[in-house]
Amino acid sequence: MQNKRYSIRRLDELHQRNSFSCGIKVLDNYIHHFATQDKKRNIAITYVLNDEEENKIAGYYSLSSTSIECSGLPDLIIKKLPRYPLLPATLIGRLALDVNYQPKGLGEVLLFDALKRVSETSETVASLAVVVDAINETAASFYQKYGFLPLASAKLFLPMHLINKLCNTREML
């Protein structure tokens, strides 16, 4: 990200986590209490969009590994894959913006940063797709706008070849 007001980097002890509020308690709780524990336990890595002028977390997302049941994928995708019961994927477990930053288009910035990170590591760690847990219909609509497809329950996914295409055609901020 090349905007001087904002930076995206891994969450560390210098970030002001307690002032973050997106309006959804479970997402607020995660950044306040669990994100650093998940990092220490190698469960998830959290990246924050920091407002450098205000020294505040404007938003964040977490990345971790997951798997997709082959049977839950669309037939068009399944026919091109081996018949393994589970396939590797990357999970954006949480993506949230502080209420003071929500109308500014920064959710897209966070999403594309996450997709770019996954795309860049796909040569090192195999991942068939990125999976998201849409916490509500608004979140599901947000992800679907970028081509995410329904998986199971509230999950959606975006195949890696589409992620690479998006990252190659979109200039990052």
N, C-alpha and C. Protein backbone atom coordinates (compact mmCIF):
# COMPACT_ATOMS: atom_id res chain seq x y z
N MET A 1 0.84 -1.17 0.00
CA MET A 1 0.00 0.00 0.00
C MET A 1 0.89 1.23 0.00
N GLN A 2 0.67 2.16 -0.92
CA GLN A 2 1.56 3.29 -1.09
C GLN A 2 1.00 4.60 -0.54
N ASN A 3 -0.16 4.60 0.07
CA ASN A 3 -0.74 5.78 0.68
C ASN A 3 0.01 6.07 1.98
N LYS A 4 0.49 7.32 2.17
CA LYS A 4 1.31 7.63 3.34
C LYS A 4 0.51 7.72 4.63
N ARG A 5 -0.80 7.94 4.53
CA ARG A 5 -1.59 8.03 5.76
C ARG A 5 -1.79 6.65 6.38
N TYR A 6 -1.88 5.63 5.55
CA TYR A 6 -2.16 4.28 6.03
C TYR A 6 -1.01 3.34 5.71
N SER A 7 -0.85 2.36 6.58
CA SER A 7 0.10 1.28 6.31
C SER A 7 -0.57 -0.03 6.73
N ILE A 8 -0.18 -1.10 6.07
CA ILE A 8 -0.68 -2.42 6.45
C ILE A 8 0.53 -3.26 6.84
N ARG A 9 0.47 -3.79 8.03
CA ARG A 9 1.56 -4.66 8.51
C ARG A 9 1.00 -5.59 9.59
N ARG A 10 1.83 -6.54 9.97
CA ARG A 10 1.42 -7.48 11.02
C ARG A 10 1.13 -6.75 12.32
N LEU A 11 0.13 -7.23 13.01
CA LEU A 11 -0.22 -6.70 14.33
C LEU A 11 0.96 -6.91 15.27
N ASP A 12 1.29 -5.88 16.03
CA ASP A 12 2.32 -6.01 17.06
C ASP A 12 1.89 -5.27 18.31
N GLU A 13 2.73 -5.28 19.33
CA GLU A 13 2.38 -4.69 20.63
C GLU A 13 2.26 -3.17 20.58
N LEU A 14 2.74 -2.52 19.54
CA LEU A 14 2.65 -1.07 19.43
C LEU A 14 1.29 -0.59 18.91
N HIS A 15 0.53 -1.47 18.30
CA HIS A 15 -0.78 -1.08 17.77
C HIS A 15 -1.79 -0.89 18.90
N GLN A 16 -2.60 0.15 18.78
CA GLN A 16 -3.62 0.50 19.77
C GLN A 16 -4.89 -0.31 19.52
N ARG A 17 -4.92 -1.54 20.03
CA ARG A 17 -6.03 -2.46 19.76
C ARG A 17 -7.31 -2.11 20.50
N ASN A 18 -7.21 -1.61 21.72
CA ASN A 18 -8.40 -1.44 22.57
C ASN A 18 -9.36 -0.36 22.09
N SER A 19 -8.90 0.56 21.28
CA SER A 19 -9.80 1.61 20.78
C SER A 19 -10.56 1.18 19.52
N PHE A 20 -10.23 0.02 18.96
CA PHE A 20 -10.89 -0.45 17.74
C PHE A 20 -12.33 -0.85 18.03
N SER A 21 -13.25 -0.39 17.18
CA SER A 21 -14.65 -0.78 17.29
C SER A 21 -15.29 -0.77 15.91
N CYS A 22 -15.71 -1.94 15.45
CA CYS A 22 -16.37 -2.03 14.15
C CYS A 22 -17.88 -2.15 14.27
N GLY A 23 -18.36 -2.30 15.50
CA GLY A 23 -19.80 -2.44 15.71
C GLY A 23 -20.27 -3.88 15.79
N ILE A 24 -19.36 -4.82 15.61
CA ILE A 24 -19.71 -6.24 15.73
C ILE A 24 -18.84 -6.81 16.84
N LYS A 25 -19.48 -7.18 17.93
CA LYS A 25 -18.77 -7.53 19.16
C LYS A 25 -17.72 -8.64 18.96
N VAL A 26 -18.05 -9.68 18.24
CA VAL A 26 -17.12 -10.79 18.06
C VAL A 26 -15.85 -10.33 17.32
N LEU A 27 -15.99 -9.42 16.37
CA LEU A 27 -14.83 -8.91 15.63
C LEU A 27 -14.01 -7.94 16.49
N ASP A 28 -14.69 -7.14 17.29
CA ASP A 28 -13.99 -6.26 18.23
C ASP A 28 -13.22 -7.09 19.26
N ASN A 29 -13.90 -8.09 19.81
CA ASN A 29 -13.28 -8.97 20.81
C ASN A 29 -12.03 -9.64 20.27
N TYR A 30 -12.08 -10.07 19.02
CA TYR A 30 -10.94 -10.77 18.43
C TYR A 30 -9.69 -9.90 18.45
N ILE A 31 -9.81 -8.68 17.94
CA ILE A 31 -8.62 -7.81 17.88
C ILE A 31 -8.18 -7.38 19.28
N HIS A 32 -9.13 -7.21 20.18
CA HIS A 32 -8.79 -6.78 21.55
C HIS A 32 -8.10 -7.88 22.36
N HIS A 33 -8.57 -9.14 22.21
CA HIS A 33 -8.15 -10.19 23.14
C HIS A 33 -7.48 -11.42 22.53
N PHE A 34 -7.77 -11.74 21.27
CA PHE A 34 -7.35 -13.05 20.76
C PHE A 34 -6.34 -13.03 19.62
N ALA A 35 -6.22 -11.94 18.91
CA ALA A 35 -5.34 -11.91 17.74
C ALA A 35 -3.89 -12.21 18.10
N THR A 36 -3.39 -11.62 19.18
CA THR A 36 -1.99 -11.89 19.55
C THR A 36 -1.81 -13.32 20.06
N GLN A 37 -2.81 -13.86 20.75
CA GLN A 37 -2.73 -15.25 21.20
C GLN A 37 -2.71 -16.21 20.01
N ASP A 38 -3.55 -15.93 19.00
CA ASP A 38 -3.56 -16.77 17.81
C ASP A 38 -2.20 -16.75 17.10
N LYS A 39 -1.56 -15.60 17.08
CA LYS A 39 -0.23 -15.51 16.46
C LYS A 39 0.78 -16.36 17.23
N LYS A 40 0.78 -16.23 18.56
CA LYS A 40 1.72 -16.99 19.39
C LYS A 40 1.52 -18.49 19.24
N ARG A 41 0.30 -18.90 19.01
CA ARG A 41 -0.04 -20.33 18.87
C ARG A 41 0.03 -20.82 17.43
N ASN A 42 0.45 -19.96 16.52
CA ASN A 42 0.52 -20.29 15.09
C ASN A 42 -0.81 -20.73 14.51
N ILE A 43 -1.87 -20.06 14.94
CA ILE A 43 -3.21 -20.35 14.45
C ILE A 43 -3.62 -19.38 13.35
N ALA A 44 -3.29 -18.10 13.52
CA ALA A 44 -3.64 -17.07 12.53
C ALA A 44 -2.68 -15.90 12.68
N ILE A 45 -2.49 -15.21 11.57
CA ILE A 45 -1.70 -13.98 11.56
C ILE A 45 -2.67 -12.84 11.25
N THR A 46 -2.58 -11.78 12.04
CA THR A 46 -3.46 -10.63 11.84
C THR A 46 -2.65 -9.48 11.26
N TYR A 47 -3.20 -8.86 10.22
CA TYR A 47 -2.61 -7.69 9.60
C TYR A 47 -3.53 -6.51 9.88
N VAL A 48 -2.93 -5.38 10.22
CA VAL A 48 -3.73 -4.20 10.54
C VAL A 48 -3.48 -3.08 9.53
N LEU A 49 -4.55 -2.37 9.24
CA LEU A 49 -4.49 -1.15 8.46
C LEU A 49 -4.41 -0.04 9.49
N ASN A 50 -3.24 0.55 9.62
CA ASN A 50 -3.02 1.56 10.66
C ASN A 50 -3.12 2.95 10.06
N ASP A 51 -3.87 3.81 10.73
CA ASP A 51 -3.94 5.22 10.38
C ASP A 51 -2.75 5.88 11.05
N GLU A 52 -1.74 6.22 10.27
CA GLU A 52 -0.49 6.76 10.80
C GLU A 52 -0.67 8.15 11.42
N GLU A 53 -1.61 8.95 10.88
CA GLU A 53 -1.84 10.28 11.43
C GLU A 53 -2.48 10.22 12.81
N GLU A 54 -3.42 9.29 12.98
CA GLU A 54 -4.15 9.16 14.24
C GLU A 54 -3.55 8.11 15.17
N ASN A 55 -2.61 7.32 14.64
CA ASN A 55 -2.06 6.17 15.36
C ASN A 55 -3.17 5.27 15.89
N LYS A 56 -4.08 4.90 14.97
CA LYS A 56 -5.22 4.04 15.30
C LYS A 56 -5.31 2.91 14.29
N ILE A 57 -5.85 1.80 14.73
CA ILE A 57 -6.15 0.71 13.80
C ILE A 57 -7.45 1.06 13.09
N ALA A 58 -7.36 1.26 11.78
CA ALA A 58 -8.55 1.55 10.98
C ALA A 58 -9.27 0.26 10.60
N GLY A 59 -8.53 -0.84 10.48
CA GLY A 59 -9.12 -2.12 10.11
C GLY A 59 -8.11 -3.23 10.26
N TYR A 60 -8.58 -4.44 10.08
CA TYR A 60 -7.68 -5.59 10.17
C TYR A 60 -8.27 -6.78 9.44
N TYR A 61 -7.42 -7.76 9.17
CA TYR A 61 -7.86 -9.07 8.69
C TYR A 61 -6.92 -10.12 9.26
N SER A 62 -7.41 -11.35 9.32
CA SER A 62 -6.56 -12.46 9.77
C SER A 62 -6.49 -13.51 8.67
N LEU A 63 -5.33 -14.15 8.59
CA LEU A 63 -5.10 -15.23 7.61
C LEU A 63 -4.67 -16.50 8.34
N SER A 64 -5.18 -17.61 7.89
CA SER A 64 -4.75 -18.91 8.41
C SER A 64 -5.02 -19.96 7.34
N SER A 65 -4.50 -21.14 7.59
CA SER A 65 -4.75 -22.23 6.64
C SER A 65 -6.07 -22.90 6.99
N THR A 66 -6.67 -23.51 5.98
CA THR A 66 -7.91 -24.25 6.17
C THR A 66 -7.97 -25.31 5.07
N SER A 67 -9.05 -26.01 5.01
CA SER A 67 -9.26 -26.96 3.92
C SER A 67 -10.71 -26.88 3.47
N ILE A 68 -10.91 -27.30 2.24
CA ILE A 68 -12.24 -27.30 1.63
C ILE A 68 -12.60 -28.74 1.33
N GLU A 69 -13.81 -29.13 1.68
CA GLU A 69 -14.28 -30.45 1.28
C GLU A 69 -14.55 -30.43 -0.21
N CYS A 70 -13.96 -31.35 -0.91
CA CYS A 70 -14.10 -31.42 -2.36
C CYS A 70 -15.58 -31.49 -2.76
N SER A 71 -16.36 -32.20 -1.99
CA SER A 71 -17.78 -32.38 -2.31
C SER A 71 -18.56 -31.07 -2.23
N GLY A 72 -18.03 -30.05 -1.56
CA GLY A 72 -18.73 -28.78 -1.43
C GLY A 72 -18.47 -27.81 -2.56
N LEU A 73 -17.58 -28.17 -3.49
CA LEU A 73 -17.23 -27.29 -4.59
C LEU A 73 -18.17 -27.50 -5.78
N PRO A 74 -18.32 -26.48 -6.62
CA PRO A 74 -19.14 -26.63 -7.83
C PRO A 74 -18.56 -27.69 -8.76
N ASP A 75 -19.43 -28.37 -9.49
CA ASP A 75 -19.01 -29.43 -10.40
C ASP A 75 -17.97 -28.97 -11.41
N LEU A 76 -18.10 -27.74 -11.90
CA LEU A 76 -17.16 -27.21 -12.88
C LEU A 76 -15.74 -27.19 -12.34
N ILE A 77 -15.59 -26.94 -11.05
CA ILE A 77 -14.27 -26.92 -10.43
C ILE A 77 -13.82 -28.33 -10.05
N ILE A 78 -14.73 -29.13 -9.52
CA ILE A 78 -14.40 -30.50 -9.08
C ILE A 78 -13.82 -31.34 -10.21
N LYS A 79 -14.39 -31.22 -11.40
CA LYS A 79 -13.94 -32.09 -12.49
C LYS A 79 -12.49 -31.86 -12.89
N LYS A 80 -11.90 -30.74 -12.48
CA LYS A 80 -10.50 -30.45 -12.81
C LYS A 80 -9.55 -30.83 -11.69
N LEU A 81 -10.07 -31.37 -10.59
CA LEU A 81 -9.26 -31.62 -9.40
C LEU A 81 -9.11 -33.11 -9.11
N PRO A 82 -8.07 -33.47 -8.38
CA PRO A 82 -7.96 -34.87 -7.93
C PRO A 82 -9.08 -35.17 -6.93
N ARG A 83 -9.37 -36.41 -6.73
CA ARG A 83 -10.48 -36.82 -5.87
C ARG A 83 -10.07 -36.92 -4.40
N TYR A 84 -9.36 -35.93 -3.90
CA TYR A 84 -9.01 -35.90 -2.49
C TYR A 84 -10.23 -35.44 -1.70
N PRO A 85 -10.42 -35.95 -0.50
CA PRO A 85 -11.59 -35.51 0.28
C PRO A 85 -11.46 -34.05 0.75
N LEU A 86 -10.23 -33.63 1.03
CA LEU A 86 -9.99 -32.26 1.48
C LEU A 86 -8.92 -31.62 0.60
N LEU A 87 -9.10 -30.33 0.32
CA LEU A 87 -8.15 -29.60 -0.51
C LEU A 87 -7.66 -28.37 0.26
N PRO A 88 -6.39 -27.99 0.08
CA PRO A 88 -5.83 -26.87 0.85
C PRO A 88 -6.40 -25.52 0.40
N ALA A 89 -6.59 -24.64 1.36
CA ALA A 89 -7.07 -23.29 1.08
C ALA A 89 -6.54 -22.35 2.16
N THR A 90 -6.75 -21.07 1.95
CA THR A 90 -6.38 -20.05 2.92
C THR A 90 -7.66 -19.38 3.40
N LEU A 91 -7.73 -19.14 4.69
CA LEU A 91 -8.92 -18.56 5.30
C LEU A 91 -8.67 -17.11 5.68
N ILE A 92 -9.52 -16.22 5.20
CA ILE A 92 -9.60 -14.88 5.78
C ILE A 92 -10.68 -15.03 6.85
N GLY A 93 -10.22 -15.28 8.07
CA GLY A 93 -11.15 -15.59 9.15
C GLY A 93 -11.93 -14.38 9.63
N ARG A 94 -11.30 -13.24 9.56
CA ARG A 94 -11.94 -12.00 10.00
C ARG A 94 -11.42 -10.86 9.13
N LEU A 95 -12.31 -9.94 8.82
CA LEU A 95 -11.95 -8.72 8.14
C LEU A 95 -12.90 -7.66 8.67
N ALA A 96 -12.37 -6.59 9.26
CA ALA A 96 -13.23 -5.60 9.89
C ALA A 96 -12.64 -4.21 9.77
N LEU A 97 -13.52 -3.22 9.73
CA LEU A 97 -13.12 -1.81 9.72
C LEU A 97 -13.74 -1.12 10.92
N ASP A 98 -12.97 -0.26 11.54
CA ASP A 98 -13.49 0.58 12.62
C ASP A 98 -14.63 1.43 12.06
N VAL A 99 -15.64 1.70 12.88
CA VAL A 99 -16.81 2.46 12.41
C VAL A 99 -16.43 3.82 11.85
N ASN A 100 -15.37 4.41 12.31
CA ASN A 100 -14.94 5.72 11.82
C ASN A 100 -14.30 5.67 10.43
N TYR A 101 -14.02 4.47 9.93
CA TYR A 101 -13.35 4.31 8.64
C TYR A 101 -14.20 3.55 7.63
N GLN A 102 -15.39 3.14 8.01
CA GLN A 102 -16.19 2.27 7.13
C GLN A 102 -16.62 2.89 5.80
N PRO A 103 -16.99 4.14 5.73
CA PRO A 103 -17.47 4.63 4.42
C PRO A 103 -16.36 5.07 3.46
N LYS A 104 -15.13 4.69 3.71
CA LYS A 104 -14.00 5.21 2.93
C LYS A 104 -13.42 4.24 1.91
N GLY A 105 -14.04 3.09 1.70
CA GLY A 105 -13.52 2.13 0.72
C GLY A 105 -12.30 1.35 1.19
N LEU A 106 -12.03 1.38 2.48
CA LEU A 106 -10.84 0.71 2.99
C LEU A 106 -11.02 -0.80 3.14
N GLY A 107 -12.26 -1.28 3.15
CA GLY A 107 -12.49 -2.72 3.17
C GLY A 107 -11.91 -3.38 1.94
N GLU A 108 -12.07 -2.73 0.81
CA GLU A 108 -11.50 -3.23 -0.44
C GLU A 108 -9.97 -3.26 -0.36
N VAL A 109 -9.39 -2.24 0.24
CA VAL A 109 -7.94 -2.18 0.41
C VAL A 109 -7.46 -3.38 1.23
N LEU A 110 -8.17 -3.66 2.33
CA LEU A 110 -7.80 -4.81 3.18
C LEU A 110 -7.95 -6.12 2.42
N LEU A 111 -9.08 -6.28 1.72
CA LEU A 111 -9.31 -7.52 0.98
C LEU A 111 -8.23 -7.75 -0.06
N PHE A 112 -7.90 -6.73 -0.83
CA PHE A 112 -6.91 -6.91 -1.88
C PHE A 112 -5.51 -7.12 -1.32
N ASP A 113 -5.23 -6.53 -0.17
CA ASP A 113 -3.94 -6.80 0.46
C ASP A 113 -3.86 -8.27 0.86
N ALA A 114 -4.95 -8.79 1.44
CA ALA A 114 -4.98 -10.20 1.83
C ALA A 114 -4.83 -11.10 0.61
N LEU A 115 -5.56 -10.81 -0.45
CA LEU A 115 -5.49 -11.63 -1.67
C LEU A 115 -4.09 -11.59 -2.28
N LYS A 116 -3.48 -10.42 -2.25
CA LYS A 116 -2.12 -10.29 -2.79
C LYS A 116 -1.13 -11.12 -1.97
N ARG A 117 -1.25 -11.08 -0.66
CA ARG A 117 -0.36 -11.88 0.19
C ARG A 117 -0.51 -13.37 -0.11
N VAL A 118 -1.74 -13.81 -0.26
CA VAL A 118 -1.99 -15.23 -0.56
C VAL A 118 -1.42 -15.58 -1.93
N SER A 119 -1.65 -14.72 -2.89
CA SER A 119 -1.15 -14.95 -4.24
C SER A 119 0.37 -15.05 -4.26
N GLU A 120 1.03 -14.17 -3.52
CA GLU A 120 2.49 -14.16 -3.49
C GLU A 120 3.07 -15.41 -2.82
N THR A 121 2.34 -16.02 -1.91
CA THR A 121 2.85 -17.22 -1.23
C THR A 121 2.40 -18.51 -1.90
N SER A 122 1.58 -18.42 -2.95
CA SER A 122 1.04 -19.63 -3.57
C SER A 122 2.11 -20.49 -4.22
N GLU A 123 3.29 -19.95 -4.50
CA GLU A 123 4.39 -20.75 -5.03
C GLU A 123 5.13 -21.49 -3.92
N THR A 124 4.93 -21.06 -2.68
CA THR A 124 5.60 -21.66 -1.54
C THR A 124 4.69 -22.62 -0.77
N VAL A 125 3.46 -22.20 -0.57
CA VAL A 125 2.47 -23.01 0.14
C VAL A 125 1.23 -23.12 -0.74
N ALA A 126 0.88 -24.33 -1.10
CA ALA A 126 -0.25 -24.54 -2.00
C ALA A 126 -1.56 -24.14 -1.35
N SER A 127 -2.38 -23.47 -2.14
CA SER A 127 -3.72 -23.07 -1.70
C SER A 127 -4.61 -23.01 -2.93
N LEU A 128 -5.64 -23.81 -2.92
CA LEU A 128 -6.56 -23.87 -4.06
C LEU A 128 -7.39 -22.59 -4.17
N ALA A 129 -7.73 -21.99 -3.02
CA ALA A 129 -8.64 -20.84 -3.01
C ALA A 129 -8.50 -20.09 -1.70
N VAL A 130 -9.15 -18.95 -1.66
CA VAL A 130 -9.30 -18.21 -0.41
C VAL A 130 -10.74 -18.40 0.03
N VAL A 131 -10.91 -18.73 1.30
CA VAL A 131 -12.23 -18.94 1.89
C VAL A 131 -12.47 -17.81 2.87
N VAL A 132 -13.71 -17.34 2.93
CA VAL A 132 -14.10 -16.32 3.90
C VAL A 132 -15.33 -16.78 4.66
N ASP A 133 -15.42 -16.36 5.90
CA ASP A 133 -16.62 -16.55 6.71
C ASP A 133 -17.37 -15.23 6.69
N ALA A 134 -18.44 -15.17 5.93
CA ALA A 134 -19.23 -13.94 5.88
C ALA A 134 -20.09 -13.88 7.13
N ILE A 135 -19.85 -12.90 7.97
CA ILE A 135 -20.52 -12.81 9.26
C ILE A 135 -21.99 -12.41 9.15
N ASN A 136 -22.35 -11.76 8.02
CA ASN A 136 -23.73 -11.36 7.79
C ASN A 136 -23.94 -11.15 6.29
N GLU A 137 -25.16 -10.78 5.92
CA GLU A 137 -25.47 -10.59 4.50
C GLU A 137 -24.69 -9.44 3.88
N THR A 138 -24.44 -8.40 4.64
CA THR A 138 -23.65 -7.27 4.13
C THR A 138 -22.25 -7.74 3.77
N ALA A 139 -21.65 -8.55 4.64
CA ALA A 139 -20.32 -9.08 4.37
C ALA A 139 -20.35 -10.01 3.16
N ALA A 140 -21.37 -10.87 3.07
CA ALA A 140 -21.48 -11.78 1.93
C ALA A 140 -21.58 -11.00 0.62
N SER A 141 -22.37 -9.94 0.61
CA SER A 141 -22.50 -9.11 -0.60
C SER A 141 -21.18 -8.45 -0.97
N PHE A 142 -20.44 -8.00 0.04
CA PHE A 142 -19.14 -7.39 -0.19
C PHE A 142 -18.22 -8.38 -0.91
N TYR A 143 -18.11 -9.60 -0.41
CA TYR A 143 -17.22 -10.59 -1.01
C TYR A 143 -17.72 -11.02 -2.40
N GLN A 144 -19.02 -11.18 -2.54
CA GLN A 144 -19.57 -11.62 -3.83
C GLN A 144 -19.31 -10.58 -4.92
N LYS A 145 -19.23 -9.32 -4.54
CA LYS A 145 -18.92 -8.25 -5.49
C LYS A 145 -17.57 -8.49 -6.17
N TYR A 146 -16.67 -9.20 -5.49
CA TYR A 146 -15.34 -9.48 -6.04
C TYR A 146 -15.21 -10.89 -6.60
N GLY A 147 -16.32 -11.57 -6.76
CA GLY A 147 -16.31 -12.87 -7.41
C GLY A 147 -16.31 -14.08 -6.50
N PHE A 148 -16.38 -13.88 -5.18
CA PHE A 148 -16.44 -15.02 -4.27
C PHE A 148 -17.72 -15.80 -4.52
N LEU A 149 -17.61 -17.10 -4.45
CA LEU A 149 -18.72 -18.02 -4.72
C LEU A 149 -19.17 -18.72 -3.44
N PRO A 150 -20.44 -19.08 -3.36
CA PRO A 150 -20.92 -19.78 -2.15
C PRO A 150 -20.23 -21.13 -1.98
N LEU A 151 -19.97 -21.47 -0.74
CA LEU A 151 -19.38 -22.76 -0.40
C LEU A 151 -20.37 -23.50 0.47
N ALA A 152 -20.18 -23.49 1.76
CA ALA A 152 -21.11 -24.13 2.67
C ALA A 152 -21.48 -23.11 3.75
N SER A 153 -22.66 -23.19 4.26
CA SER A 153 -23.21 -22.26 5.25
C SER A 153 -22.93 -20.83 4.80
N ALA A 154 -22.25 -20.05 5.61
CA ALA A 154 -21.98 -18.65 5.26
C ALA A 154 -20.62 -18.48 4.61
N LYS A 155 -19.96 -19.57 4.26
CA LYS A 155 -18.63 -19.48 3.66
C LYS A 155 -18.74 -19.19 2.17
N LEU A 156 -17.75 -18.48 1.68
CA LEU A 156 -17.61 -18.21 0.25
C LEU A 156 -16.15 -18.48 -0.11
N PHE A 157 -15.87 -18.69 -1.40
CA PHE A 157 -14.49 -18.93 -1.80
C PHE A 157 -14.20 -18.26 -3.13
N LEU A 158 -12.92 -17.99 -3.36
CA LEU A 158 -12.45 -17.44 -4.61
C LEU A 158 -11.25 -18.28 -5.05
N PRO A 159 -11.36 -18.95 -6.20
CA PRO A 159 -10.25 -19.80 -6.67
C PRO A 159 -8.98 -19.00 -6.92
N MET A 160 -7.85 -19.66 -6.73
CA MET A 160 -6.55 -19.01 -6.83
C MET A 160 -6.32 -18.40 -8.22
N HIS A 161 -6.76 -19.05 -9.28
CA HIS A 161 -6.52 -18.47 -10.61
C HIS A 161 -7.25 -17.13 -10.77
N LEU A 162 -8.39 -16.97 -10.12
CA LEU A 162 -9.08 -15.68 -10.17
C LEU A 162 -8.40 -14.65 -9.27
N ILE A 163 -7.84 -15.10 -8.15
CA ILE A 163 -7.09 -14.19 -7.28
C ILE A 163 -5.88 -13.64 -8.03
N ASN A 164 -5.16 -14.52 -8.70
CA ASN A 164 -3.99 -14.08 -9.47
C ASN A 164 -4.39 -13.09 -10.56
N LYS A 165 -5.51 -13.35 -11.21
CA LYS A 165 -5.99 -12.44 -12.25
C LYS A 165 -6.35 -11.08 -11.64
N LEU A 166 -7.07 -11.08 -10.52
CA LEU A 166 -7.43 -9.82 -9.84
C LEU A 166 -6.18 -9.05 -9.43
N CYS A 167 -5.21 -9.74 -8.84
CA CYS A 167 -4.00 -9.06 -8.37
C CYS A 167 -3.18 -8.51 -9.52
N ASN A 168 -3.20 -9.16 -10.66
CA ASN A 168 -2.42 -8.70 -11.80
C ASN A 168 -3.08 -7.54 -12.54
N THR A 169 -4.41 -7.40 -12.42
CA THR A 169 -5.10 -6.35 -13.16
C THR A 169 -5.43 -5.14 -12.31
N ARG A 170 -5.23 -5.22 -11.03
CA ARG A 170 -5.59 -4.12 -10.14
C ARG A 170 -4.34 -3.51 -9.54
N GLU A 171 -4.20 -2.22 -9.70
CA GLU A 171 -3.08 -1.51 -9.10
C GLU A 171 -3.38 -1.29 -7.62
N MET A 172 -2.45 -1.66 -6.78
CA MET A 172 -2.64 -1.49 -5.35
C MET A 172 -2.45 -0.03 -4.97
N LEU A 173 -3.18 0.41 -3.93
CA LEU A 173 -3.06 1.81 -3.47
C LEU A 173 -1.68 2.15 -3.00
